[in-house]
Amino acid sequence: ILAGSWAFSPRTYSVSEKTLKIKRPIKSITIPINTITSIEERDFKFTQLRKKMGNSGLFSIIGSFSIKGDGTVWFYAKNSNYVMIHADKKYVLSPDDRFMFMNQISKHIERYGNSSEKGDGVRFLMRKK
């Protein structure tokens, strides 16, 4: 159980011109930048999360969770700096520096665009602390 929890937990996130990668020891996740329609800071309490499949607390929060008002969300989080990304699915990540991470994704989307059906670009939502 411990080895499996570690092997599927996120280690780092990397953003390139075309992809956002969630790097894990086993089976990394790739999200094409052009599928991202919004990115926003979010805060969650464990009481808001209803686990469908996954692990919460040992090394990270990973897996499929149901959140009232958001539906099914895929968590790949290693701390509580939550960022929700809307793409082909809803993802919650937790980069060390939310602001820098969100800006980096936003810049790539501005440069390379996205393929949202509405064609109105990405929504970049950020609260000031």
Protein backbone atom coordinates (compact mmCIF):
# COMPACT_ATOMS: atom_id res chain seq x y z
CA ILE A 1 0.00 0.00 0.00
CA LEU A 2 2.77 2.44 0.89
CA ALA A 3 4.72 1.77 -2.30
CA GLY A 4 1.59 2.13 -4.45
CA SER A 5 0.61 5.40 -2.77
CA TRP A 6 4.08 6.81 -3.37
CA ALA A 7 4.34 5.52 -6.95
CA PHE A 8 1.15 7.27 -8.11
CA SER A 9 1.60 10.49 -6.12
CA PRO A 10 2.56 13.64 -8.04
CA ARG A 11 6.20 14.67 -7.75
CA THR A 12 6.36 17.74 -10.00
CA TYR A 13 4.35 19.64 -12.57
CA SER A 14 5.91 20.92 -15.77
CA VAL A 15 4.49 23.29 -18.36
CA SER A 16 5.72 23.35 -21.95
CA GLU A 17 4.41 25.05 -25.07
CA LYS A 18 1.88 22.31 -25.70
CA THR A 19 1.42 20.29 -22.51
CA LEU A 20 1.02 20.38 -18.77
CA LYS A 21 2.58 17.26 -17.26
CA ILE A 22 1.88 15.81 -13.87
CA LYS A 23 5.03 13.80 -13.24
CA ARG A 24 4.71 10.70 -11.08
CA PRO A 25 7.07 7.78 -10.54
CA ILE A 26 4.57 5.60 -12.42
CA LYS A 27 2.18 6.72 -15.17
CA SER A 28 2.56 10.48 -15.51
CA ILE A 29 -0.46 12.48 -16.71
CA THR A 30 -0.39 14.83 -19.73
CA ILE A 31 -2.95 17.59 -20.30
CA PRO A 32 -2.74 19.35 -23.68
CA ILE A 33 -2.50 23.13 -23.12
CA ASN A 34 -4.98 23.78 -25.93
CA THR A 35 -7.73 21.93 -24.01
CA ILE A 36 -7.52 24.16 -20.91
CA THR A 37 -10.50 26.53 -20.70
CA SER A 38 -9.99 27.90 -17.19
CA ILE A 39 -7.60 27.86 -14.27
CA GLU A 40 -8.38 29.14 -10.80
CA GLU A 41 -7.22 29.10 -7.21
CA ARG A 42 -9.39 26.92 -5.01
CA ASP A 43 -9.51 25.96 -1.37
CA PHE A 44 -11.07 22.71 -0.21
CA LYS A 45 -11.76 21.10 3.13
CA PHE A 46 -11.68 17.33 3.39
CA THR A 47 -15.33 17.43 4.46
CA GLN A 48 -16.21 18.77 0.97
CA LEU A 49 -14.57 15.86 -0.82
CA ARG A 50 -16.42 12.61 -1.42
CA LYS A 51 -13.92 10.00 -2.54
CA LYS A 52 -14.92 7.88 -5.52
CA MET A 53 -11.55 6.20 -6.08
CA GLY A 54 -8.16 7.20 -4.77
CA ASN A 55 -6.01 8.03 -1.79
CA SER A 56 -6.28 11.03 0.47
CA GLY A 57 -3.53 11.94 2.83
CA LEU A 58 -0.69 9.47 2.39
CA PHE A 59 1.99 11.32 0.36
CA SER A 60 -0.71 13.21 -1.55
CA ILE A 61 -4.35 13.43 -2.54
CA ILE A 62 -4.84 11.47 -5.75
CA GLY A 63 -7.83 10.07 -7.54
CA SER A 64 -11.41 10.83 -8.40
CA PHE A 65 -13.50 12.85 -5.95
CA SER A 66 -16.97 14.31 -6.07
CA ILE A 67 -17.37 17.92 -4.97
CA LYS A 68 -20.76 19.57 -4.56
CA GLY A 69 -21.15 22.16 -7.32
CA ASP A 70 -18.18 20.84 -9.31
CA GLY A 71 -19.08 17.21 -9.94
CA THR A 72 -16.26 14.74 -10.53
CA VAL A 73 -12.78 16.20 -10.08
CA TRP A 74 -9.42 14.44 -10.50
CA PHE A 75 -6.94 15.32 -7.73
CA TYR A 76 -3.17 15.16 -8.22
CA ALA A 77 -2.23 17.28 -5.21
CA LYS A 78 0.79 17.14 -2.93
CA ASN A 79 0.01 20.11 -0.66
CA SER A 80 -2.87 22.54 -0.05
CA ASN A 81 -1.99 25.17 -2.72
CA TYR A 82 -4.93 24.03 -4.81
CA VAL A 83 -5.44 25.09 -8.43
CA MET A 84 -8.42 23.82 -10.41
CA ILE A 85 -7.95 23.35 -14.14
CA HIS A 86 -10.89 22.86 -16.50
CA ALA A 87 -9.87 20.90 -19.59
CA ASP A 88 -11.16 17.55 -20.88
CA LYS A 89 -11.78 16.84 -17.17
CA LYS A 90 -11.58 18.94 -14.03
CA TYR A 91 -8.19 18.61 -12.33
CA VAL A 92 -6.93 19.86 -8.98
CA LEU A 93 -3.17 20.28 -8.70
CA SER A 94 -1.06 21.85 -5.98
CA PRO A 95 2.05 23.59 -7.26
CA ASP A 96 4.46 25.07 -4.73
CA ASP A 97 3.86 28.56 -6.15
CA ARG A 98 0.27 28.93 -7.38
CA PHE A 99 0.73 32.40 -8.84
CA MET A 100 3.79 31.49 -10.90
CA PHE A 101 2.19 28.23 -12.08
CA MET A 102 -1.04 29.93 -13.16
CA ASN A 103 0.87 32.68 -14.95
CA GLN A 104 3.02 30.16 -16.77
CA ILE A 105 -0.01 28.25 -18.07
CA SER A 106 -1.80 31.46 -18.97
CA LYS A 107 1.18 32.69 -21.02
CA HIS A 108 1.34 29.45 -23.00
CA ILE A 109 -2.39 29.60 -23.67
CA GLU A 110 -2.16 33.22 -24.80
CA ARG A 111 0.68 32.32 -27.15
CA TYR A 112 -0.63 29.02 -28.52
CA GLY A 113 -4.35 29.35 -27.92
CA ASN A 114 -6.84 26.77 -26.83
CA SER A 115 -9.48 24.78 -28.60
CA SER A 116 -12.50 25.71 -26.49
CA GLU A 117 -15.74 25.21 -28.36
CA LYS A 118 -16.86 28.75 -27.62
CA GLY A 119 -13.61 30.19 -28.91
CA ASP A 120 -13.53 32.78 -26.14
CA GLY A 121 -10.15 31.81 -24.72
CA VAL A 122 -9.18 30.79 -21.23
CA ARG A 123 -10.66 32.13 -18.02
CA PHE A 124 -7.88 33.00 -15.60
CA LEU A 125 -9.34 33.48 -12.13
CA MET A 126 -7.24 34.53 -9.20
CA ARG A 127 -8.07 35.90 -5.78
CA LYS A 128 -5.71 38.33 -4.08
CA LYS A 129 -4.52 37.18 -0.70
